[in-house]
Amino acid sequence: RGFLQVRMVVMLSRSLLRRSLARSFSTGKPEKIAMVGSGNFGSALTRILGQNALRHKEFDDEVRMYVYEEMVDGKKLTDIINTENENVKYLKGAKFTPNVVAVPDISEAVKGATMICFCLPHQFLKPIMPKIKESVAPGAKCLSAIKGIDFDDNGVVLISDLLRQGLNADCSVLMGANVANEMASDAFCETTIGYKIKENGDLFKLAFDCPSFKVGTVQDTVGVELCGALKNIVAIGAGFCDGLGYGGNTKAAIIRIGLKETAKFAKMFFDGVQDETFMESCGLADLVTTCFGGRNRKCAEAFAKGEGSWDEIEKKLLNGQKLQGTITAKDVLLVLKKKKLTEEFPLFTRIHEIAFEGKDPKTIVEL
């Protein structure tokens, strides 16, 4: 055993030496990664970024994670993360590598970053954008793992477009069948990165790809992003079915109709969306796993059982996390009503009617 331990130390030392030499003779500085967001999914992604930053010479060792400061058992959450290497509130039991540093100040968290990843409720994004723009490195690249959409007087606004315009930066998108609590135990899963600039897509793939988290890439940021946003609406419909005690046949029908309406919505409002995208992890796979697990399905089941309002259920079941599907359902219906298209999307419309207009949950099968 002693011999094996010595051998492992020698091998590790050699690996670190090769990495150091590679950086010493590199013509460019390593990419500096920052994560904006520290919830359930954001923390799961940051675990991978921390591991890969140490694994690949292309990245600076330190990965900073912006954390909205909270008190947990009388201690600051950032202090707990930085001493225990664990987000005890949102991803309990999953350890970060020590190179992950929790930072409560957004300017400091992204200072000098060349690769900025975003994973937070989209309603919190706009207020912090000016500080981010002031602090990141010139020419920084972005990636959005935010599952939601915005809207303005002209219709649908993608979160990636908000980032591109607000930061004057290229933005890739990551979406997939990625339940954070399963990622925390390193259970195998896939994800999809949509890109506009291939070199940036490849770089983000290198930052996230690992044996338990396989990354596929497609040149279709719009399709990837809309799959990730709209599946949360469908998951609410699936949750209604669970709350009513309906079986797998009914839920399968909701999933099929939901995928069809997702593709129709994407192609109706945006050009260049690829059919193949809906068969990637961001499409069918993410829709299936979200309709059988995840917070939106869970809360919708409780809603259908009459366990309270959305706010009450969110507070009771989500441990401080935010419910995204209800917000997206509202945003989508505003657009559909304005364009007089509600009849073209019967499932999206019915889910909104049940969630916010007093319609009986049993009408989820009356489309």
Foldseek 3Di string as FASTA:
>chain_A
DVVVVVVVVVVVVVLVVVLVVCCVPDPDHAAAEEEEDCALQSVLQQLLLQVLQVVDSNHPNAYEYADQWDADPNDTQQVCCQVVQDNCQHANPFGHDNSYHYDPDLLVRQAAGQEYEYEAALVPPVVCLVSNLVGYDPAHAYEYAHAAWAADPVATHRSQVVNCVSNVYFYKYKAFQCDRNCSSVLAAGEIEIAGQDVVVSVVVQSSRDDPRYHYDYDPARLLLRLLRHQLLLLLLLLLLCVLVVHDDVVNVVSLVLSLVVSVVVSVVVDPDHDPVSLVDRSHSVNSVSSNVDDDSSVLSSCVLNVVDASVVSCVVPPSPGDRRNLVRLVSNVVRCVVVVNCVVRVQSNVSNCVRPVVDRSVCSVVD
